[in-house]
Amino acid sequence: MSQRNLLVLLLACAVSYACYVRGGQNPFARYVAEGLATIDQNALESVPDQELFNGAMDGMVGVLTRHGDQHSEFLDEQEADPLRTEIRQQFGGIGVRIGFEGEPLRLAIVAPPDADSPAARENLQAGDRILTIDGQATDGMEMGEVLRRMRGQPGTSVRLSIQQADATEPRTVELVREVINIESVLGDRRSNDGRWQFLLAADPRIAHVRITLFGERTPGELEHVLNNIVAQGAEAVVLDVRDNAGGALEAAVAICKMLLPAGKMIVETRGRDGEVRQRDETTEDGVFLSLPLAVIVNQESASAAEIVAACLQDHHRAVVAGQRSYGKGTVQQLVPLESGKSLLQLTWASFWRPSGAKIHRGAGATEDDIWGVVPNTGYERRLSPEEYDAFVKYRSDRDQIGPARAKTTASEENAPAAAAFVDEQLQLAVKYLQGELDGESR
């Protein structure tokens, strides 16, 4: 028997077994296997089995989309790997953050290399252009392809052609990939050695803590940061989840447990027909219960970010400032397919805030409907599209200011651009915390 026919037979057997386990409740699973086998054996045009499988999965997910499910998705092997990387917060790489900059756009290193990373040991710097990756020119490459070429198994090597700002000719470096951890808890600004500074320069009593994603390591990162900043004298914290698209539900729950007293509901998960599948609650007082909090959200804060903001707001543990959140109140289950190569990201439940209000913004929802997380009265500051673009640029520039660089003064050049934007959403959160702290001192 050919390998191709064997693959079809095994797939049919797997589907048949699934039908058996389900007690024959859904005969369409068998029909799908029969259709695949028929196409594979008899179609005039011979196409790869992988494409048939991917097409079948895309088609089924497309039906979910037409019925209102905005977030279920089939991810093939190349698409699944970045999601796994984000959730695990680890990958094999060289320790640089890259992006497209300039006019025309060119691939460049956009922030200082991680300390003691392969890139740092080769003296790569923010602003360096990456001309080629393993001999392939980067001009015209999509970012997905760039990441696939830059990342790889720890211990493998990657060869880069680098053009530095003060050099007339590019240089070629070969770096051995190592395990790189993705930071998800960032500070207000960087110091001269590239480390995050969390205490605000204008009021060191208050720390600005940004959570950029909710991964497996995020709760541990946050606990470490909070312990450090309290030891440094922080008396209150701004928890900033702007532009945080979410991540692992478990991470959001763990963070809420650090910040809430015992006996508080964090989030309720409901399945089809509204039945309660899970209710997450605190069982003991959080270790940072006495720390005054404010949370900042914006229109891109979604999912796990909304769970944290809604929970802290409903229990009056924090004031929420900024702009109404995205409104993604559904939970996706990651189902491994093809022995784990691909993933089905399947919406299987919705989550509801402690107040009983829904978070999800359904199709056709209006501004008057209940969804998302709305800032507390007096703490809302909506940004226009132009102001939001300015904020993104300000934040990107500010994240690069201050690191020591051997051959560039980019930090001073970036400083005016970063200073031009006034972060009024952050100011509202700080104003609230200052009132809390000053009230306690009276």
Protein backbone atom coordinates (compact mmCIF):
# COMPACT_ATOMS: atom_id res chain seq x y z
CA MET A 1 0.00 0.00 0.00
CA SER A 2 1.32 3.45 -0.88
CA GLN A 3 2.11 5.96 1.86
CA ARG A 4 -0.59 8.26 0.48
CA ASN A 5 -3.31 5.59 0.66
CA LEU A 6 -2.10 4.56 4.09
CA LEU A 7 -2.49 8.17 5.30
CA VAL A 8 -6.06 8.33 4.01
CA LEU A 9 -6.85 4.97 5.62
CA LEU A 10 -5.43 6.07 8.96
CA LEU A 11 -7.39 9.32 8.83
CA ALA A 12 -10.59 7.42 8.04
CA CYS A 13 -9.88 5.05 10.92
CA ALA A 14 -9.29 7.97 13.30
CA VAL A 15 -12.53 9.64 12.31
CA SER A 16 -14.40 6.34 12.54
CA TYR A 17 -13.02 5.79 16.03
CA ALA A 18 -14.15 9.29 17.04
CA CYS A 19 -17.61 8.42 15.75
CA TYR A 20 -17.56 5.23 17.79
CA VAL A 21 -16.55 7.10 20.95
CA ARG A 22 -19.42 9.51 20.44
CA GLY A 23 -21.82 6.60 20.15
CA GLY A 24 -22.66 7.28 16.53
CA GLN A 25 -24.31 10.60 17.41
CA ASN A 26 -22.84 12.47 14.45
CA PRO A 27 -22.67 10.46 11.22
CA PHE A 28 -21.25 13.46 9.37
CA ALA A 29 -17.80 12.71 10.77
CA ARG A 30 -17.90 9.44 8.81
CA TYR A 31 -19.17 11.27 5.74
CA VAL A 32 -16.21 13.68 5.88
CA ALA A 33 -13.77 10.77 5.92
CA GLU A 34 -15.60 9.14 3.03
CA GLY A 35 -15.51 12.38 1.05
CA LEU A 36 -11.80 12.81 1.66
CA ALA A 37 -11.06 9.25 0.57
CA THR A 38 -13.20 9.60 -2.56
CA ILE A 39 -11.56 12.87 -3.62
CA ASP A 40 -8.10 11.48 -2.91
CA GLN A 41 -8.63 8.34 -4.96
CA ASN A 42 -10.85 9.50 -7.83
CA ALA A 43 -10.48 13.23 -8.48
CA LEU A 44 -9.06 14.07 -11.90
CA GLU A 45 -6.63 16.51 -10.32
CA SER A 46 -4.34 15.01 -7.72
CA VAL A 47 -3.75 17.39 -4.83
CA PRO A 48 -1.71 16.96 -1.61
CA ASP A 49 -3.55 15.35 1.30
CA GLN A 50 -2.35 18.19 3.54
CA GLU A 51 -4.18 20.71 1.37
CA LEU A 52 -7.36 18.62 1.44
CA PHE A 53 -7.21 18.44 5.23
CA ASN A 54 -6.48 22.16 5.62
CA GLY A 55 -9.29 23.01 3.23
CA ALA A 56 -11.76 20.84 5.14
CA MET A 57 -10.82 22.49 8.44
CA ASP A 58 -11.00 26.00 6.96
CA GLY A 59 -14.42 25.20 5.51
CA MET A 60 -15.83 23.97 8.83
CA VAL A 61 -14.46 26.97 10.71
CA GLY A 62 -15.92 29.20 7.99
CA VAL A 63 -19.39 27.85 8.87
CA LEU A 64 -18.81 28.85 12.50
CA THR A 65 -17.84 32.33 11.32
CA ARG A 66 -21.04 32.67 9.28
CA HIS A 67 -23.01 31.76 12.40
CA GLY A 68 -21.41 34.59 14.39
CA ASP A 69 -18.29 33.00 15.88
CA GLN A 70 -15.62 35.64 15.24
CA HIS A 71 -12.72 33.93 16.97
CA SER A 72 -12.61 30.22 16.10
CA GLU A 73 -9.75 29.54 13.71
CA PHE A 74 -7.81 26.68 12.16
CA LEU A 75 -4.05 27.23 12.36
CA ASP A 76 -1.76 25.17 10.17
CA GLU A 77 1.74 24.28 11.34
CA GLN A 78 3.32 27.60 10.35
CA GLU A 79 0.48 29.61 11.90
CA ALA A 80 0.31 27.52 15.08
CA ASP A 81 3.96 27.91 16.07
CA PRO A 82 3.80 31.69 16.79
CA LEU A 83 0.74 31.19 18.99
CA ARG A 84 2.46 28.45 20.97
CA THR A 85 5.48 30.71 21.34
CA GLU A 86 3.36 33.57 22.69
CA ILE A 87 1.57 31.41 25.24
CA ARG A 88 4.74 29.64 26.42
CA GLN A 89 6.74 32.90 26.23
CA GLN A 90 9.81 31.01 25.05
CA PHE A 91 11.46 30.36 21.69
CA GLY A 92 14.85 29.68 20.17
CA GLY A 93 16.33 32.97 18.98
CA ILE A 94 19.11 35.50 19.29
CA GLY A 95 17.55 38.07 21.66
CA VAL A 96 16.49 41.01 19.47
CA ARG A 97 13.24 42.81 18.75
CA ILE A 98 12.77 43.55 15.09
CA GLY A 99 10.44 45.59 12.93
CA PHE A 100 10.15 47.47 9.69
CA GLU A 101 11.31 51.09 9.86
CA GLY A 102 12.09 54.01 7.57
CA GLU A 103 10.99 54.97 4.08
CA PRO A 104 11.06 52.68 2.26
CA LEU A 105 10.52 50.15 5.04
CA ARG A 106 13.58 48.13 5.97
CA LEU A 107 13.97 45.35 8.52
CA ALA A 108 15.80 46.68 11.57
CA ILE A 109 16.56 45.97 15.22
CA VAL A 110 14.16 48.27 17.08
CA ALA A 111 15.28 47.89 20.70
CA PRO A 112 18.47 47.01 22.58
CA PRO A 113 19.29 43.27 22.54
CA ASP A 114 18.44 41.27 25.63
CA ALA A 115 21.24 41.25 28.17
CA ASP A 116 23.73 38.39 27.69
CA SER A 117 21.96 37.20 24.55
CA PRO A 118 23.73 36.07 21.35
CA ALA A 119 22.89 39.43 19.77
CA ALA A 120 24.29 41.41 22.71
CA ARG A 121 27.53 39.42 22.68
CA GLU A 122 27.94 40.27 18.98
CA ASN A 123 27.37 43.97 19.77
CA LEU A 124 24.23 44.28 17.66
CA GLN A 125 22.48 47.57 18.37
CA ALA A 126 19.10 49.23 18.10
CA GLY A 127 18.89 50.82 14.67
CA ASP A 128 20.99 48.18 12.90
CA ARG A 129 19.46 47.07 9.61
CA ILE A 130 19.19 43.35 8.84
CA LEU A 131 19.97 42.99 5.12
CA THR A 132 19.90 39.20 4.76
CA ILE A 133 18.99 36.14 6.82
CA ASP A 134 20.93 33.03 5.84
CA GLY A 135 21.65 34.63 2.48
CA GLN A 136 18.04 35.63 1.76
CA ALA A 137 17.43 39.36 1.24
CA THR A 138 14.90 40.78 3.71
CA ASP A 139 13.52 43.43 1.35
CA GLY A 140 9.96 42.42 0.57
CA MET A 141 9.78 39.70 3.23
CA GLU A 142 6.60 39.40 5.28
CA MET A 143 7.10 39.51 9.06
CA GLY A 144 5.86 35.93 9.40
CA GLU A 145 8.61 34.73 7.09
CA VAL A 146 11.18 36.86 8.90
CA LEU A 147 10.27 35.28 12.24
CA ARG A 148 10.36 31.77 10.80
CA ARG A 149 13.88 32.40 9.52
CA MET A 150 15.16 34.18 12.63
CA ARG A 151 13.80 31.66 15.11
CA GLY A 152 14.70 27.99 15.38
CA GLN A 153 15.80 25.26 17.72
CA PRO A 154 18.27 26.34 20.43
CA GLY A 155 21.77 25.30 19.37
CA THR A 156 21.19 25.94 15.68
CA SER A 157 22.81 28.92 13.94
CA VAL A 158 21.56 31.81 11.84
CA ARG A 159 23.73 34.03 9.61
CA LEU A 160 22.86 37.71 9.30
CA SER A 161 24.18 40.53 7.17
CA ILE A 162 24.04 43.66 9.34
CA GLN A 163 24.35 47.31 8.30
CA GLN A 164 25.19 49.50 11.27
CA ALA A 165 24.58 53.23 11.21
CA ASP A 166 28.23 54.28 11.51
CA ALA A 167 29.68 51.63 9.17
CA THR A 168 30.29 52.03 5.45
CA GLU A 169 30.05 48.31 4.70
CA PRO A 170 27.76 45.62 6.13
CA ARG A 171 29.20 42.90 8.31
CA THR A 172 28.21 39.26 8.51
CA VAL A 173 27.62 37.61 11.87
CA GLU A 174 26.75 34.02 12.66
CA LEU A 175 24.87 33.54 15.91
CA VAL A 176 23.86 30.37 17.74
CA ARG A 177 20.25 30.46 18.89
CA GLU A 178 19.48 30.15 22.59
CA VAL A 179 16.28 29.91 24.63
CA ILE A 180 14.78 33.41 24.67
CA ASN A 181 12.10 34.35 27.19
CA ILE A 182 9.42 36.78 26.06
CA GLU A 183 8.81 39.52 28.61
CA SER A 184 5.17 40.23 29.29
CA VAL A 185 5.49 42.64 32.24
CA LEU A 186 7.18 45.90 31.28
CA GLY A 187 7.89 49.17 33.02
CA ASP A 188 7.43 52.87 32.38
CA ARG A 189 10.81 53.42 30.71
CA ARG A 190 14.29 51.94 30.39
CA SER A 191 17.38 52.91 32.34
CA ASN A 192 20.82 53.38 30.79
CA ASP A 193 21.58 49.67 31.14
CA GLY A 194 18.33 48.71 29.36
CA ARG A 195 16.52 47.58 32.51
CA TRP A 196 12.91 48.54 33.08
CA GLN A 197 12.16 51.37 35.48
CA PHE A 198 8.70 51.04 37.05
CA LEU A 199 8.56 53.94 39.51
CA LEU A 200 7.33 57.15 37.90
CA ALA A 201 9.92 59.90 37.75
CA ALA A 202 7.28 62.52 38.63
CA ASP A 203 5.97 60.56 41.64
CA PRO A 204 8.11 57.59 42.77
CA ARG A 205 5.36 56.48 45.13
CA ILE A 206 3.51 55.16 42.07
CA ALA A 207 4.67 52.40 39.74
CA HIS A 208 3.61 51.99 36.11
CA VAL A 209 3.37 48.26 35.33
CA ARG A 210 2.42 47.24 31.79
CA ILE A 211 1.17 43.74 30.97
CA THR A 212 1.48 43.17 27.23
CA LEU A 213 0.12 39.60 27.06
CA PHE A 214 -1.13 36.84 29.33
CA GLY A 215 1.17 33.85 28.96
CA GLU A 216 2.21 30.95 31.14
CA ARG A 217 4.96 32.99 32.80
CA THR A 218 3.04 36.25 33.27
CA PRO A 219 1.76 35.67 36.85
CA GLY A 220 5.27 34.80 38.05
CA GLU A 221 6.71 37.83 36.25
CA LEU A 222 4.14 40.14 37.81
CA GLU A 223 4.65 38.76 41.31
CA HIS A 224 8.43 39.25 40.94
CA VAL A 225 7.99 42.83 39.71
CA LEU A 226 5.50 43.77 42.43
CA ASN A 227 7.77 42.41 45.16
CA ASN A 228 10.70 44.40 43.75
CA ILE A 229 8.88 47.71 43.35
CA VAL A 230 7.36 47.50 46.83
CA ALA A 231 10.86 46.95 48.18
CA GLN A 232 11.92 50.06 46.22
CA GLY A 233 9.23 52.14 47.92
CA ALA A 234 6.21 51.89 45.61
CA GLU A 235 2.97 52.56 47.47
CA ALA A 236 0.50 52.24 44.57
CA VAL A 237 0.42 50.67 41.10
CA VAL A 238 -1.01 51.56 37.71
CA LEU A 239 -1.73 48.26 35.97
CA ASP A 240 -1.68 49.06 32.25
CA VAL A 241 -3.28 46.55 29.87
CA ARG A 242 -3.70 48.83 26.88
CA ASP A 243 -3.17 47.06 23.55
CA ASN A 244 -3.15 43.72 25.39
CA ALA A 245 -5.12 41.28 23.22
CA GLY A 246 -5.34 38.68 25.98
CA GLY A 247 -3.93 35.18 26.19
CA ALA A 248 -4.30 32.43 28.77
CA LEU A 249 -7.41 32.57 30.96
CA GLU A 250 -5.46 30.82 33.72
CA ALA A 251 -2.96 33.68 33.82
CA ALA A 252 -5.70 36.28 34.27
CA VAL A 253 -7.23 34.25 37.10
CA ALA A 254 -3.86 33.84 38.84
CA ILE A 255 -3.20 37.59 38.69
CA CYS A 256 -6.61 38.43 40.17
CA LYS A 257 -5.90 36.02 43.02
CA MET A 258 -2.80 38.08 43.91
CA LEU A 259 -4.85 41.26 44.21
CA LEU A 260 -8.21 40.29 45.76
CA PRO A 261 -9.40 39.21 49.20
CA ALA A 262 -10.70 35.71 49.83
CA GLY A 263 -14.19 34.72 48.74
CA LYS A 264 -14.43 36.85 45.59
CA MET A 265 -15.59 35.56 42.23
CA ILE A 266 -13.15 36.32 39.43
CA VAL A 267 -14.92 35.12 36.31
CA GLU A 268 -17.73 32.77 35.36
CA THR A 269 -17.43 30.62 32.25
CA ARG A 270 -20.65 29.60 30.51
CA GLY A 271 -21.08 27.12 27.71
CA ARG A 272 -23.74 26.42 25.13
CA ASP A 273 -27.27 27.35 26.28
CA GLY A 274 -25.80 29.40 29.13
CA GLU A 275 -24.91 26.59 31.52
CA VAL A 276 -22.16 27.44 33.99
CA ARG A 277 -19.08 25.36 33.23
CA GLN A 278 -16.64 26.95 35.64
CA ARG A 279 -16.59 29.61 38.33
CA ASP A 280 -13.18 30.88 39.41
CA GLU A 281 -13.02 32.33 42.92
CA THR A 282 -10.37 33.40 45.41
CA THR A 283 -9.85 31.11 48.37
CA GLU A 284 -7.47 33.29 50.39
CA ASP A 285 -6.34 36.89 50.60
CA GLY A 286 -3.99 38.00 47.84
CA VAL A 287 -0.41 38.83 48.73
CA PHE A 288 -0.75 42.39 47.38
CA LEU A 289 -4.13 43.12 48.88
CA SER A 290 -3.12 46.45 50.49
CA LEU A 291 -1.63 47.96 47.31
CA PRO A 292 -3.88 50.69 45.82
CA LEU A 293 -4.54 50.01 42.13
CA ALA A 294 -5.70 51.69 38.97
CA VAL A 295 -6.13 49.86 35.67
CA ILE A 296 -5.84 51.42 32.20
CA VAL A 297 -7.67 49.88 29.24
CA ASN A 298 -8.21 50.97 25.65
CA GLN A 299 -10.07 49.81 22.57
CA GLU A 300 -7.49 47.06 21.96
CA SER A 301 -7.64 45.57 25.49
CA ALA A 302 -9.36 42.21 25.03
CA SER A 303 -10.14 38.82 26.50
CA ALA A 304 -7.90 38.06 29.51
CA ALA A 305 -7.08 41.77 29.85
CA GLU A 306 -10.81 42.48 30.15
CA ILE A 307 -11.24 39.72 32.73
CA VAL A 308 -8.67 41.34 35.01
CA ALA A 309 -10.00 44.88 34.53
CA ALA A 310 -13.65 43.86 34.98
CA CYS A 311 -12.93 41.75 38.06
CA LEU A 312 -10.96 44.47 39.84
CA GLN A 313 -13.55 47.09 38.89
CA ASP A 314 -16.57 45.05 40.02
CA HIS A 315 -15.02 44.36 43.42
CA HIS A 316 -14.04 48.06 43.81
CA ARG A 317 -10.44 46.97 44.05
CA ALA A 318 -9.32 49.37 41.32
CA VAL A 319 -10.55 52.32 39.32
CA VAL A 320 -10.47 51.72 35.57
CA ALA A 321 -9.24 54.60 33.40
CA GLY A 322 -8.77 55.07 29.66
CA GLN A 323 -11.15 54.00 26.93
CA ARG A 324 -13.81 51.31 26.57
CA SER A 325 -12.24 47.91 25.93
CA TYR A 326 -12.62 45.69 22.88
CA GLY A 327 -15.39 43.38 24.08
CA LYS A 328 -14.04 39.87 23.47
CA GLY A 329 -15.88 37.75 25.97
CA THR A 330 -15.41 34.28 24.52
CA VAL A 331 -12.98 31.53 25.48
CA GLN A 332 -11.02 29.60 22.87
CA GLN A 333 -9.83 26.05 23.49
CA LEU A 334 -6.64 25.02 21.69
CA VAL A 335 -7.20 21.55 20.23
CA PRO A 336 -4.03 19.90 18.85
CA LEU A 337 -4.50 18.26 15.44
CA GLU A 338 -2.15 16.18 13.28
CA SER A 339 -0.24 14.94 16.33
CA GLY A 340 0.13 18.52 17.53
CA LYS A 341 1.42 20.09 14.30
CA SER A 342 -1.68 22.20 13.70
CA LEU A 343 -4.25 23.69 16.08
CA LEU A 344 -7.99 24.22 16.13
CA GLN A 345 -8.67 27.36 18.13
CA LEU A 346 -12.30 26.66 19.01
CA THR A 347 -14.69 28.98 20.80
CA TRP A 348 -16.26 26.74 23.44
CA ALA A 349 -17.56 29.13 26.09
CA SER A 350 -18.21 32.74 27.04
CA PHE A 351 -17.03 34.47 30.19
CA TRP A 352 -18.99 36.81 32.43
CA ARG A 353 -17.78 39.35 34.95
CA PRO A 354 -18.51 39.12 38.71
CA SER A 355 -21.37 41.61 38.40
CA GLY A 356 -23.12 39.20 36.04
CA ALA A 357 -22.71 41.55 33.07
CA LYS A 358 -21.41 40.18 29.80
CA ILE A 359 -18.15 41.30 28.26
CA HIS A 360 -18.65 40.04 24.72
CA ARG A 361 -19.59 42.50 22.02
CA GLY A 362 -21.83 40.58 19.67
CA ALA A 363 -22.39 41.31 16.00
CA GLY A 364 -24.45 44.46 15.61
CA ALA A 365 -23.82 45.69 19.17
CA THR A 366 -24.11 49.46 19.65
CA GLU A 367 -22.36 51.87 21.99
CA ASP A 368 -25.47 51.83 24.19
CA ASP A 369 -25.36 48.07 24.70
CA ILE A 370 -23.59 46.37 27.62
CA TRP A 371 -20.22 44.93 26.59
CA GLY A 372 -16.56 45.36 27.34
CA VAL A 373 -15.11 47.28 30.27
CA VAL A 374 -16.09 50.95 30.54
CA PRO A 375 -13.83 53.29 32.57
CA ASN A 376 -15.19 54.64 35.83
CA THR A 377 -17.02 57.95 35.72
CA GLY A 378 -14.56 60.81 35.46
CA TYR A 379 -11.72 58.58 34.28
CA GLU A 380 -12.56 58.13 30.62
CA ARG A 381 -10.32 59.65 27.96
CA ARG A 382 -11.09 58.50 24.42
CA LEU A 383 -8.33 58.91 21.86
CA SER A 384 -9.06 59.83 18.28
CA PRO A 385 -7.45 57.61 15.61
CA GLU A 386 -4.76 60.24 15.16
CA GLU A 387 -4.14 60.47 18.91
CA TYR A 388 -3.96 56.69 19.16
CA ASP A 389 -1.36 56.55 16.38
CA ALA A 390 0.63 59.18 18.29
CA PHE A 391 0.36 57.08 21.46
CA VAL A 392 1.67 53.97 19.70
CA LYS A 393 4.63 55.94 18.32
CA TYR A 394 5.26 57.56 21.71
CA ARG A 395 5.23 54.21 23.47
CA SER A 396 7.54 52.60 20.89
CA ASP A 397 10.01 55.47 21.12
CA ARG A 398 9.89 55.59 24.91
CA ASP A 399 10.63 51.89 25.17
CA GLN A 400 13.90 52.50 23.30
CA ILE A 401 15.10 55.55 25.26
CA GLY A 402 18.00 55.25 27.66
CA PRO A 403 19.93 52.02 26.95
CA ALA A 404 23.70 52.25 26.76
CA ARG A 405 24.84 51.91 23.16
CA ALA A 406 28.43 51.67 22.10
CA LYS A 407 28.27 53.62 18.85
CA THR A 408 25.02 55.57 18.69
CA THR A 409 23.22 58.42 20.38
CA ALA A 410 19.79 57.23 19.28
CA SER A 411 18.42 57.64 22.79
CA GLU A 412 18.95 61.41 22.69
CA GLU A 413 17.59 61.59 19.15
CA ASN A 414 14.43 59.73 20.18
CA ALA A 415 13.83 61.75 23.32
CA PRO A 416 12.06 64.74 21.68
CA ALA A 417 9.69 62.45 19.76
CA ALA A 418 8.82 60.55 22.90
CA ALA A 419 8.30 63.74 24.89
CA ALA A 420 5.89 65.25 22.35
CA PHE A 421 2.94 63.06 23.37
CA VAL A 422 1.17 63.53 26.72
CA ASP A 423 -0.31 60.29 28.04
CA GLU A 424 -3.54 61.66 29.50
CA GLN A 425 -4.96 58.19 30.17
CA LEU A 426 -1.99 57.43 32.40
CA GLN A 427 -2.33 60.83 34.04
CA LEU A 428 -5.93 60.05 35.03
CA ALA A 429 -4.85 56.80 36.69
CA VAL A 430 -2.01 58.55 38.50
CA LYS A 431 -4.31 61.34 39.67
CA TYR A 432 -6.66 58.77 41.24
CA LEU A 433 -3.82 57.00 43.06
CA GLN A 434 -2.33 60.26 44.29
CA GLY A 435 -5.71 61.07 45.81
CA GLU A 436 -5.80 57.69 47.49
CA LEU A 437 -2.29 58.10 48.88
CA ASP A 438 -2.78 61.68 49.99
CA GLY A 439 -6.07 60.76 51.62
CA GLU A 440 -4.36 58.06 53.64
CA SER A 441 -1.70 60.50 54.83
CA ARG A 442 -4.24 62.99 56.17
